[in-house]
Amino acid sequence: MTGCRSTSGRLVAALGIALLLAGCAHVRPADPMAPGVDLDSINAKLAGRVVRVRLVDDTELLAHSVRVSADSVFLQPQRVLDVDWWLGPARALPTSEVGSLEVTRRSWGAADGALIGTGVGIVAGAAMGAATNEANEAPIWSNETSALVGSAVVGVVGAILGAVVGAGLGSVEVFDLTKAP
């Protein structure tokens, strides 16, 4: 029985780590000067969102209404308390001064987390169900049935936990303006 607990504990720890990774960043090379970069697609993903602008000198700015062109990045400073006054004037920076643009999307984070949590939960549940059944002297079900029941139960729990953790962390998309695709 001791081996079962340690195996289950490791599987639960692995599930927790995987759920935390659900909010990891997706880095996309997006040098606006490179051929084949779809600036319209990038601008659509940045439109109406708060964007963390990281300059090549590691300075960070928070901006709203960011738009990228081949030679400039146009920023509107982030609004304060969602009122129509701003923390400064809009400005344009040369793309050569901008290292990356980072946007967090909570709904995609929930979806990412739910998918990762479901996958990890199904695998962990199957392993725990089979391990628990093997440890019993008088098993109720076969190993296959225990694995199936375990994967279903822990898969649902993983999906719920993954969605909650993913929504909290969000899905971060980073557009690296220094690298060509």
N, C-alpha and C. Protein backbone atom coordinates (compact mmCIF):
# COMPACT_ATOMS: atom_id res chain seq x y z
N MET A 1 0.82 -1.20 0.00
CA MET A 1 0.00 0.00 0.00
C MET A 1 0.86 1.25 0.00
N THR A 2 2.04 1.19 0.59
CA THR A 2 2.92 2.36 0.64
C THR A 2 3.35 2.77 -0.76
N GLY A 3 3.66 1.80 -1.61
CA GLY A 3 4.07 2.11 -2.98
C GLY A 3 2.97 2.80 -3.74
N CYS A 4 1.73 2.44 -3.48
CA CYS A 4 0.59 3.06 -4.15
C CYS A 4 0.50 4.54 -3.80
N ARG A 5 0.69 4.85 -2.53
CA ARG A 5 0.59 6.25 -2.10
C ARG A 5 1.69 7.09 -2.74
N SER A 6 2.90 6.56 -2.80
CA SER A 6 3.98 7.35 -3.37
C SER A 6 3.78 7.53 -4.88
N THR A 7 3.28 6.48 -5.55
CA THR A 7 3.00 6.62 -6.98
C THR A 7 1.89 7.63 -7.20
N SER A 8 0.81 7.52 -6.42
CA SER A 8 -0.29 8.47 -6.55
C SER A 8 0.17 9.88 -6.23
N GLY A 9 1.00 10.02 -5.20
CA GLY A 9 1.51 11.35 -4.84
C GLY A 9 2.32 11.96 -5.96
N ARG A 10 3.16 11.14 -6.61
CA ARG A 10 3.95 11.65 -7.74
C ARG A 10 3.06 12.05 -8.90
N LEU A 11 2.02 11.25 -9.14
CA LEU A 11 1.11 11.57 -10.24
C LEU A 11 0.33 12.86 -9.96
N VAL A 12 -0.10 13.02 -8.72
CA VAL A 12 -0.82 14.25 -8.36
C VAL A 12 0.10 15.46 -8.48
N ALA A 13 1.36 15.32 -8.05
CA ALA A 13 2.33 16.41 -8.19
C ALA A 13 2.56 16.74 -9.66
N ALA A 14 2.67 15.72 -10.50
CA ALA A 14 2.85 15.95 -11.94
C ALA A 14 1.64 16.66 -12.52
N LEU A 15 0.44 16.28 -12.08
CA LEU A 15 -0.78 16.94 -12.54
C LEU A 15 -0.77 18.42 -12.14
N GLY A 16 -0.37 18.70 -10.90
CA GLY A 16 -0.31 20.09 -10.44
C GLY A 16 0.67 20.92 -11.23
N ILE A 17 1.83 20.35 -11.52
CA ILE A 17 2.84 21.07 -12.31
C ILE A 17 2.32 21.33 -13.72
N ALA A 18 1.71 20.33 -14.32
CA ALA A 18 1.17 20.50 -15.67
C ALA A 18 0.09 21.57 -15.70
N LEU A 19 -0.75 21.62 -14.66
CA LEU A 19 -1.79 22.64 -14.61
C LEU A 19 -1.20 24.04 -14.48
N LEU A 20 -0.11 24.16 -13.72
CA LEU A 20 0.55 25.46 -13.61
C LEU A 20 1.15 25.89 -14.94
N LEU A 21 1.61 24.93 -15.72
CA LEU A 21 2.21 25.26 -17.01
C LEU A 21 1.18 25.63 -18.06
N ALA A 22 -0.10 25.46 -17.75
CA ALA A 22 -1.14 25.77 -18.71
C ALA A 22 -1.11 27.24 -19.12
N GLY A 23 -0.62 28.11 -18.27
CA GLY A 23 -0.58 29.53 -18.58
C GLY A 23 0.73 29.98 -19.17
N CYS A 24 1.56 29.08 -19.64
CA CYS A 24 2.85 29.45 -20.21
C CYS A 24 2.69 30.30 -21.46
N ALA A 25 3.71 31.06 -21.76
CA ALA A 25 3.68 31.96 -22.91
C ALA A 25 3.89 31.22 -24.21
N HIS A 26 3.22 31.71 -25.23
CA HIS A 26 3.41 31.24 -26.59
C HIS A 26 4.18 32.34 -27.30
N VAL A 27 5.45 32.10 -27.63
CA VAL A 27 6.29 33.12 -28.25
C VAL A 27 6.24 32.95 -29.76
N ARG A 28 5.94 34.05 -30.45
CA ARG A 28 5.84 34.02 -31.90
C ARG A 28 6.85 35.02 -32.49
N PRO A 29 7.76 34.54 -33.35
CA PRO A 29 8.65 35.48 -34.03
C PRO A 29 7.81 36.38 -34.94
N ALA A 30 8.02 37.69 -34.87
CA ALA A 30 7.17 38.60 -35.62
C ALA A 30 7.91 39.85 -36.06
N ASP A 31 9.10 39.71 -36.61
CA ASP A 31 9.84 40.87 -37.09
C ASP A 31 9.04 41.53 -38.21
N PRO A 32 8.55 42.77 -37.99
CA PRO A 32 7.68 43.41 -38.98
C PRO A 32 8.38 43.70 -40.31
N MET A 33 9.70 43.70 -40.31
CA MET A 33 10.44 43.96 -41.55
C MET A 33 10.66 42.69 -42.36
N ALA A 34 10.42 41.53 -41.76
CA ALA A 34 10.64 40.26 -42.45
C ALA A 34 9.50 39.99 -43.42
N PRO A 35 9.83 39.39 -44.56
CA PRO A 35 8.77 39.05 -45.51
C PRO A 35 7.87 37.95 -44.93
N GLY A 36 6.59 38.04 -45.22
CA GLY A 36 5.66 37.01 -44.79
C GLY A 36 5.04 37.23 -43.42
N VAL A 37 5.40 38.30 -42.73
CA VAL A 37 4.80 38.58 -41.42
C VAL A 37 3.44 39.23 -41.65
N ASP A 38 2.40 38.67 -41.05
CA ASP A 38 1.04 39.17 -41.21
C ASP A 38 0.74 40.20 -40.13
N LEU A 39 1.01 41.47 -40.43
CA LEU A 39 0.80 42.54 -39.45
C LEU A 39 -0.68 42.72 -39.11
N ASP A 40 -1.57 42.45 -40.05
CA ASP A 40 -3.00 42.57 -39.76
C ASP A 40 -3.42 41.57 -38.68
N SER A 41 -2.89 40.37 -38.75
CA SER A 41 -3.21 39.35 -37.75
C SER A 41 -2.66 39.75 -36.38
N ILE A 42 -1.44 40.25 -36.35
CA ILE A 42 -0.84 40.69 -35.08
C ILE A 42 -1.65 41.84 -34.50
N ASN A 43 -1.98 42.83 -35.33
CA ASN A 43 -2.75 43.98 -34.85
C ASN A 43 -4.13 43.58 -34.36
N ALA A 44 -4.76 42.58 -34.99
CA ALA A 44 -6.07 42.11 -34.55
C ALA A 44 -5.98 41.49 -33.15
N LYS A 45 -4.88 40.78 -32.86
CA LYS A 45 -4.71 40.16 -31.55
C LYS A 45 -4.38 41.19 -30.47
N LEU A 46 -3.81 42.33 -30.86
CA LEU A 46 -3.45 43.37 -29.89
C LEU A 46 -4.57 44.39 -29.68
N ALA A 47 -5.52 44.45 -30.61
CA ALA A 47 -6.56 45.48 -30.58
C ALA A 47 -7.41 45.39 -29.31
N GLY A 48 -7.56 46.53 -28.64
CA GLY A 48 -8.42 46.62 -27.47
C GLY A 48 -7.92 45.90 -26.24
N ARG A 49 -6.67 45.51 -26.21
CA ARG A 49 -6.12 44.77 -25.07
C ARG A 49 -4.98 45.58 -24.43
N VAL A 50 -4.75 45.30 -23.16
CA VAL A 50 -3.59 45.87 -22.49
C VAL A 50 -2.39 45.06 -22.94
N VAL A 51 -1.35 45.75 -23.39
CA VAL A 51 -0.17 45.10 -23.94
C VAL A 51 1.06 45.54 -23.16
N ARG A 52 1.88 44.56 -22.77
CA ARG A 52 3.16 44.87 -22.13
C ARG A 52 4.18 45.01 -23.25
N VAL A 53 4.75 46.20 -23.36
CA VAL A 53 5.73 46.50 -24.42
C VAL A 53 7.11 46.44 -23.77
N ARG A 54 7.94 45.53 -24.26
CA ARG A 54 9.29 45.39 -23.74
C ARG A 54 10.25 45.96 -24.78
N LEU A 55 10.98 47.00 -24.39
CA LEU A 55 11.93 47.62 -25.31
C LEU A 55 13.23 46.83 -25.32
N VAL A 56 14.07 47.04 -26.31
CA VAL A 56 15.32 46.29 -26.41
C VAL A 56 16.26 46.58 -25.24
N ASP A 57 16.10 47.73 -24.56
CA ASP A 57 16.93 48.03 -23.39
C ASP A 57 16.31 47.49 -22.10
N ASP A 58 15.32 46.60 -22.20
CA ASP A 58 14.62 45.94 -21.09
C ASP A 58 13.66 46.85 -20.32
N THR A 59 13.39 48.04 -20.83
CA THR A 59 12.36 48.90 -20.24
C THR A 59 11.00 48.29 -20.59
N GLU A 60 10.07 48.34 -19.64
CA GLU A 60 8.73 47.83 -19.89
C GLU A 60 7.72 48.96 -19.80
N LEU A 61 6.76 48.94 -20.72
CA LEU A 61 5.66 49.90 -20.74
C LEU A 61 4.36 49.13 -20.82
N LEU A 62 3.32 49.63 -20.18
CA LEU A 62 1.99 49.08 -20.38
C LEU A 62 1.24 50.02 -21.30
N ALA A 63 0.64 49.47 -22.31
CA ALA A 63 -0.04 50.31 -23.28
C ALA A 63 -1.38 49.70 -23.66
N HIS A 64 -2.23 50.51 -24.24
CA HIS A 64 -3.54 50.10 -24.72
C HIS A 64 -3.62 50.58 -26.17
N SER A 65 -4.30 49.87 -27.00
CA SER A 65 -4.44 50.25 -28.42
C SER A 65 -3.08 50.30 -29.11
N VAL A 66 -2.35 49.20 -29.06
CA VAL A 66 -1.06 49.09 -29.72
C VAL A 66 -1.29 48.66 -31.16
N ARG A 67 -0.54 49.28 -32.07
CA ARG A 67 -0.63 48.93 -33.48
C ARG A 67 0.79 48.88 -34.04
N VAL A 68 1.06 47.83 -34.84
CA VAL A 68 2.39 47.61 -35.38
C VAL A 68 2.36 47.86 -36.89
N SER A 69 3.34 48.62 -37.37
CA SER A 69 3.54 48.78 -38.82
C SER A 69 4.97 48.32 -39.12
N ALA A 70 5.36 48.36 -40.35
CA ALA A 70 6.68 47.88 -40.74
C ALA A 70 7.81 48.66 -40.07
N ASP A 71 7.61 49.95 -39.82
CA ASP A 71 8.69 50.76 -39.28
C ASP A 71 8.42 51.35 -37.90
N SER A 72 7.17 51.24 -37.39
CA SER A 72 6.84 51.85 -36.09
C SER A 72 5.87 51.00 -35.30
N VAL A 73 5.91 51.20 -33.98
CA VAL A 73 4.92 50.62 -33.08
C VAL A 73 4.22 51.81 -32.42
N PHE A 74 2.90 51.89 -32.60
CA PHE A 74 2.12 53.01 -32.08
C PHE A 74 1.48 52.60 -30.76
N LEU A 75 1.70 53.41 -29.72
CA LEU A 75 1.22 53.09 -28.37
C LEU A 75 0.30 54.17 -27.85
N GLN A 76 -0.72 53.75 -27.14
CA GLN A 76 -1.54 54.65 -26.34
C GLN A 76 -1.35 54.16 -24.91
N PRO A 77 -0.87 55.00 -23.99
CA PRO A 77 -0.67 54.54 -22.61
C PRO A 77 -1.96 53.94 -22.04
N GLN A 78 -1.78 53.02 -21.09
CA GLN A 78 -2.93 52.33 -20.50
C GLN A 78 -3.83 53.30 -19.77
N ARG A 79 -5.14 53.12 -19.95
CA ARG A 79 -6.10 53.96 -19.24
C ARG A 79 -6.10 53.62 -17.77
N VAL A 80 -6.37 54.63 -16.95
CA VAL A 80 -6.42 54.43 -15.51
C VAL A 80 -7.88 54.41 -15.07
N LEU A 81 -8.26 53.37 -14.33
CA LEU A 81 -9.61 53.20 -13.81
C LEU A 81 -10.67 53.26 -14.90
N ASP A 82 -10.28 52.88 -16.11
CA ASP A 82 -11.20 52.80 -17.24
C ASP A 82 -11.95 54.13 -17.48
N VAL A 83 -11.25 55.24 -17.28
CA VAL A 83 -11.82 56.56 -17.51
C VAL A 83 -11.12 57.14 -18.74
N ASP A 84 -11.65 58.21 -19.29
CA ASP A 84 -11.10 58.75 -20.53
C ASP A 84 -9.96 59.74 -20.32
N TRP A 85 -9.16 59.60 -19.30
CA TRP A 85 -7.94 60.39 -19.19
C TRP A 85 -6.77 59.44 -19.21
N TRP A 86 -5.65 59.91 -19.69
CA TRP A 86 -4.53 59.03 -20.00
C TRP A 86 -3.30 59.38 -19.17
N LEU A 87 -2.42 58.45 -19.08
CA LEU A 87 -1.17 58.67 -18.34
C LEU A 87 -0.11 59.35 -19.19
N GLY A 88 -0.44 59.80 -20.33
CA GLY A 88 0.53 60.46 -21.19
C GLY A 88 0.05 60.43 -22.62
N PRO A 89 0.79 61.10 -23.48
CA PRO A 89 0.35 61.19 -24.88
C PRO A 89 0.64 59.87 -25.62
N ALA A 90 -0.11 59.69 -26.69
CA ALA A 90 0.16 58.56 -27.57
C ALA A 90 1.52 58.81 -28.21
N ARG A 91 2.21 57.73 -28.55
CA ARG A 91 3.52 57.92 -29.16
C ARG A 91 3.83 56.76 -30.10
N ALA A 92 4.77 57.02 -30.96
CA ALA A 92 5.23 56.00 -31.90
C ALA A 92 6.70 55.73 -31.61
N LEU A 93 7.04 54.45 -31.59
CA LEU A 93 8.43 54.05 -31.39
C LEU A 93 8.91 53.33 -32.65
N PRO A 94 10.17 53.53 -33.02
CA PRO A 94 10.69 52.74 -34.13
C PRO A 94 10.70 51.25 -33.75
N THR A 95 10.37 50.39 -34.68
CA THR A 95 10.34 48.96 -34.37
C THR A 95 11.70 48.45 -33.91
N SER A 96 12.76 49.12 -34.30
CA SER A 96 14.10 48.70 -33.87
C SER A 96 14.30 48.88 -32.36
N GLU A 97 13.49 49.72 -31.70
CA GLU A 97 13.59 49.93 -30.26
C GLU A 97 12.70 48.99 -29.44
N VAL A 98 11.79 48.29 -30.12
CA VAL A 98 10.84 47.42 -29.43
C VAL A 98 11.29 45.97 -29.54
N GLY A 99 11.45 45.32 -28.40
CA GLY A 99 11.87 43.92 -28.40
C GLY A 99 10.71 42.97 -28.55
N SER A 100 9.65 43.18 -27.75
CA SER A 100 8.51 42.27 -27.83
C SER A 100 7.24 42.94 -27.34
N LEU A 101 6.12 42.35 -27.73
CA LEU A 101 4.80 42.78 -27.30
C LEU A 101 4.13 41.56 -26.67
N GLU A 102 3.58 41.74 -25.47
CA GLU A 102 3.02 40.61 -24.72
C GLU A 102 1.57 40.92 -24.36
N VAL A 103 0.68 40.02 -24.72
CA VAL A 103 -0.74 40.20 -24.42
C VAL A 103 -1.25 38.93 -23.71
N THR A 104 -2.05 39.14 -22.65
CA THR A 104 -2.61 38.02 -21.88
C THR A 104 -4.10 37.92 -22.19
N ARG A 105 -4.52 36.69 -22.51
CA ARG A 105 -5.93 36.46 -22.83
C ARG A 105 -6.46 35.42 -21.85
N ARG A 106 -7.39 35.85 -20.99
CA ARG A 106 -7.92 34.97 -19.94
C ARG A 106 -8.76 33.83 -20.50
N SER A 107 -9.61 34.10 -21.49
CA SER A 107 -10.48 33.04 -22.01
C SER A 107 -9.66 31.93 -22.66
N TRP A 108 -8.61 32.30 -23.40
CA TRP A 108 -7.75 31.27 -24.00
C TRP A 108 -6.98 30.53 -22.93
N GLY A 109 -6.64 31.22 -21.84
CA GLY A 109 -5.96 30.56 -20.74
C GLY A 109 -6.84 29.48 -20.12
N ALA A 110 -8.13 29.78 -19.98
CA ALA A 110 -9.06 28.78 -19.44
C ALA A 110 -9.17 27.59 -20.38
N ALA A 111 -9.24 27.85 -21.67
CA ALA A 111 -9.33 26.75 -22.64
C ALA A 111 -8.05 25.92 -22.65
N ASP A 112 -6.88 26.60 -22.67
CA ASP A 112 -5.60 25.88 -22.62
C ASP A 112 -5.52 25.03 -21.37
N GLY A 113 -5.86 25.62 -20.23
CA GLY A 113 -5.78 24.92 -18.96
C GLY A 113 -6.71 23.72 -18.90
N ALA A 114 -7.92 23.88 -19.43
CA ALA A 114 -8.88 22.77 -19.43
C ALA A 114 -8.37 21.62 -20.29
N LEU A 115 -7.82 21.93 -21.45
CA LEU A 115 -7.31 20.87 -22.32
C LEU A 115 -6.11 20.16 -21.70
N ILE A 116 -5.19 20.92 -21.17
CA ILE A 116 -4.01 20.31 -20.54
C ILE A 116 -4.43 19.53 -19.30
N GLY A 117 -5.31 20.12 -18.48
CA GLY A 117 -5.77 19.44 -17.27
C GLY A 117 -6.51 18.15 -17.58
N THR A 118 -7.31 18.16 -18.64
CA THR A 118 -8.03 16.94 -19.02
C THR A 118 -7.05 15.85 -19.44
N GLY A 119 -6.10 16.21 -20.29
CA GLY A 119 -5.12 15.22 -20.76
C GLY A 119 -4.31 14.64 -19.62
N VAL A 120 -3.80 15.52 -18.78
CA VAL A 120 -2.98 15.05 -17.65
C VAL A 120 -3.86 14.26 -16.67
N GLY A 121 -5.09 14.72 -16.45
CA GLY A 121 -5.99 14.03 -15.53
C GLY A 121 -6.35 12.63 -16.02
N ILE A 122 -6.56 12.47 -17.30
CA ILE A 122 -6.89 11.15 -17.85
C ILE A 122 -5.72 10.18 -17.66
N VAL A 123 -4.52 10.65 -17.99
CA VAL A 123 -3.34 9.79 -17.85
C VAL A 123 -3.09 9.48 -16.38
N ALA A 124 -3.13 10.50 -15.53
CA ALA A 124 -2.88 10.29 -14.10
C ALA A 124 -3.96 9.41 -13.49
N GLY A 125 -5.21 9.63 -13.86
CA GLY A 125 -6.31 8.81 -13.33
C GLY A 125 -6.19 7.36 -13.73
N ALA A 126 -5.80 7.11 -14.97
CA ALA A 126 -5.64 5.73 -15.43
C ALA A 126 -4.53 5.05 -14.64
N ALA A 127 -3.42 5.75 -14.44
CA ALA A 127 -2.31 5.17 -13.69
C ALA A 127 -2.70 4.94 -12.23
N MET A 128 -3.37 5.93 -11.62
CA MET A 128 -3.78 5.77 -10.22
C MET A 128 -4.82 4.67 -10.06
N GLY A 129 -5.76 4.59 -11.01
CA GLY A 129 -6.79 3.55 -10.93
C GLY A 129 -6.18 2.16 -11.02
N ALA A 130 -5.26 1.97 -11.95
CA ALA A 130 -4.62 0.67 -12.10
C ALA A 130 -3.74 0.36 -10.88
N ALA A 131 -2.99 1.35 -10.39
CA ALA A 131 -2.11 1.14 -9.24
C ALA A 131 -2.91 0.83 -7.99
N THR A 132 -4.02 1.51 -7.80
CA THR A 132 -4.86 1.27 -6.63
C THR A 132 -5.46 -0.13 -6.68
N ASN A 133 -5.90 -0.54 -7.86
CA ASN A 133 -6.50 -1.86 -8.02
C ASN A 133 -5.48 -2.97 -7.75
N GLU A 134 -4.24 -2.79 -8.20
CA GLU A 134 -3.20 -3.78 -7.99
C GLU A 134 -2.85 -3.91 -6.51
N ALA A 135 -2.97 -2.83 -5.76
CA ALA A 135 -2.61 -2.84 -4.34
C ALA A 135 -3.66 -3.54 -3.49
N ASN A 136 -4.89 -3.64 -3.99
CA ASN A 136 -5.96 -4.30 -3.23
C ASN A 136 -5.80 -5.82 -3.29
N GLU A 137 -6.02 -6.47 -2.16
CA GLU A 137 -5.93 -7.93 -2.14
C GLU A 137 -7.14 -8.57 -2.81
N ALA A 138 -8.29 -7.91 -2.70
CA ALA A 138 -9.51 -8.42 -3.34
C ALA A 138 -10.08 -7.32 -4.23
N PRO A 139 -9.53 -7.15 -5.45
CA PRO A 139 -9.99 -6.06 -6.31
C PRO A 139 -11.46 -6.23 -6.72
N ILE A 140 -12.14 -5.11 -6.78
CA ILE A 140 -13.55 -5.12 -7.16
C ILE A 140 -13.68 -5.23 -8.68
N TRP A 141 -12.82 -4.50 -9.40
CA TRP A 141 -12.87 -4.48 -10.86
C TRP A 141 -11.57 -5.01 -11.43
N SER A 142 -11.57 -5.17 -12.73
CA SER A 142 -10.33 -5.53 -13.40
C SER A 142 -9.43 -4.28 -13.47
N ASN A 143 -8.15 -4.48 -13.76
CA ASN A 143 -7.24 -3.33 -13.88
C ASN A 143 -7.69 -2.36 -14.97
N GLU A 144 -8.21 -2.89 -16.06
CA GLU A 144 -8.66 -2.02 -17.16
C GLU A 144 -9.83 -1.15 -16.73
N THR A 145 -10.78 -1.75 -16.00
CA THR A 145 -11.95 -0.99 -15.54
C THR A 145 -11.53 0.06 -14.51
N SER A 146 -10.64 -0.32 -13.60
CA SER A 146 -10.16 0.65 -12.61
C SER A 146 -9.43 1.80 -13.28
N ALA A 147 -8.64 1.49 -14.29
CA ALA A 147 -7.93 2.54 -15.02
C ALA A 147 -8.92 3.45 -15.74
N LEU A 148 -9.96 2.88 -16.33
CA LEU A 148 -10.97 3.67 -17.04
C LEU A 148 -11.74 4.58 -16.08
N VAL A 149 -12.17 4.02 -14.95
CA VAL A 149 -12.90 4.82 -13.97
C VAL A 149 -11.99 5.92 -13.41
N GLY A 150 -10.75 5.56 -13.08
CA GLY A 150 -9.81 6.56 -12.57
C GLY A 150 -9.55 7.67 -13.56
N SER A 151 -9.39 7.31 -14.84
CA SER A 151 -9.12 8.34 -15.85
C SER A 151 -10.32 9.25 -16.04
N ALA A 152 -11.54 8.69 -15.97
CA ALA A 152 -12.73 9.53 -16.13
C ALA A 152 -12.87 10.51 -14.97
N VAL A 153 -12.73 10.00 -13.75
CA VAL A 153 -12.91 10.86 -12.57
C VAL A 153 -11.81 11.91 -12.49
N VAL A 154 -10.56 11.49 -12.58
CA VAL A 154 -9.45 12.44 -12.45
C VAL A 154 -9.37 13.33 -13.69
N GLY A 155 -9.81 12.84 -14.85
CA GLY A 155 -9.85 13.68 -16.04
C GLY A 155 -10.80 14.85 -15.89
N VAL A 156 -11.98 14.60 -15.31
CA VAL A 156 -12.95 15.68 -15.08
C VAL A 156 -12.39 16.67 -14.05
N VAL A 157 -11.81 16.15 -12.98
CA VAL A 157 -11.21 17.02 -11.97
C VAL A 157 -10.08 17.84 -12.60
N GLY A 158 -9.26 17.21 -13.42
CA GLY A 158 -8.16 17.91 -14.11
C GLY A 158 -8.67 19.00 -15.02
N ALA A 159 -9.77 18.74 -15.73
CA ALA A 159 -10.34 19.75 -16.63
C ALA A 159 -10.83 20.96 -15.84
N ILE A 160 -11.50 20.70 -14.73
CA ILE A 160 -12.02 21.81 -13.91
C ILE A 160 -10.87 22.62 -13.31
N LEU A 161 -9.91 21.92 -12.69
CA LEU A 161 -8.77 22.63 -12.10
C LEU A 161 -7.97 23.36 -13.17
N GLY A 162 -7.78 22.73 -14.31
CA GLY A 162 -7.03 23.36 -15.39
C GLY A 162 -7.70 24.62 -15.90
N ALA A 163 -9.03 24.59 -16.02
CA ALA A 163 -9.76 25.78 -16.49
C ALA A 163 -9.65 26.91 -15.47
N VAL A 164 -9.76 26.59 -14.19
CA VAL A 164 -9.66 27.62 -13.15
C VAL A 164 -8.25 28.22 -13.12
N VAL A 165 -7.24 27.35 -13.08
CA VAL A 165 -5.86 27.84 -13.04
C VAL A 165 -5.52 28.59 -14.33
N GLY A 166 -5.93 28.06 -15.47
CA GLY A 166 -5.65 28.71 -16.75
C GLY A 166 -6.32 30.06 -16.88
N ALA A 167 -7.55 30.18 -16.38
CA ALA A 167 -8.24 31.47 -16.43
C ALA A 167 -7.54 32.48 -15.54
N GLY A 168 -7.05 32.02 -14.40
CA GLY A 168 -6.34 32.92 -13.49
C GLY A 168 -5.02 33.39 -14.06
N LEU A 169 -4.26 32.47 -14.64
CA LEU A 169 -2.96 32.83 -15.20
C LEU A 169 -3.09 33.46 -16.58
N GLY A 170 -4.07 33.02 -17.34
CA GLY A 170 -4.23 33.50 -18.70
C GLY A 170 -3.27 32.83 -19.66
N SER A 171 -3.54 33.02 -20.90
CA SER A 171 -2.66 32.52 -21.95
C SER A 171 -1.89 33.72 -22.49
N VAL A 172 -0.59 33.69 -22.32
CA VAL A 172 0.24 34.83 -22.72
C VAL A 172 0.79 34.57 -24.11
N GLU A 173 0.56 35.52 -25.00
CA GLU A 173 1.11 35.44 -26.34
C GLU A 173 2.14 36.56 -26.49
N VAL A 174 3.35 36.19 -26.85
CA VAL A 174 4.44 37.16 -26.97
C VAL A 174 4.83 37.25 -28.45
N PHE A 175 4.82 38.45 -28.98
CA PHE A 175 5.28 38.70 -30.34
C PHE A 175 6.68 39.27 -30.26
N ASP A 176 7.66 38.47 -30.65
CA ASP A 176 9.06 38.87 -30.60
C ASP A 176 9.40 39.61 -31.88
N LEU A 177 9.55 40.93 -31.77
CA LEU A 177 9.79 41.75 -32.96
C LEU A 177 11.24 41.74 -33.40
N THR A 178 12.09 41.01 -32.69
CA THR A 178 13.50 40.96 -33.07
C THR A 178 13.83 39.71 -33.90
N LYS A 179 12.87 38.79 -34.03
CA LYS A 179 13.12 37.54 -34.75
C LYS A 179 12.18 37.38 -35.91
N ALA A 180 12.74 36.96 -37.03
CA ALA A 180 11.92 36.69 -38.22
C ALA A 180 11.36 35.29 -38.12
N PRO A 181 10.16 35.08 -38.68
CA PRO A 181 9.58 33.74 -38.65
C PRO A 181 10.31 32.77 -39.54
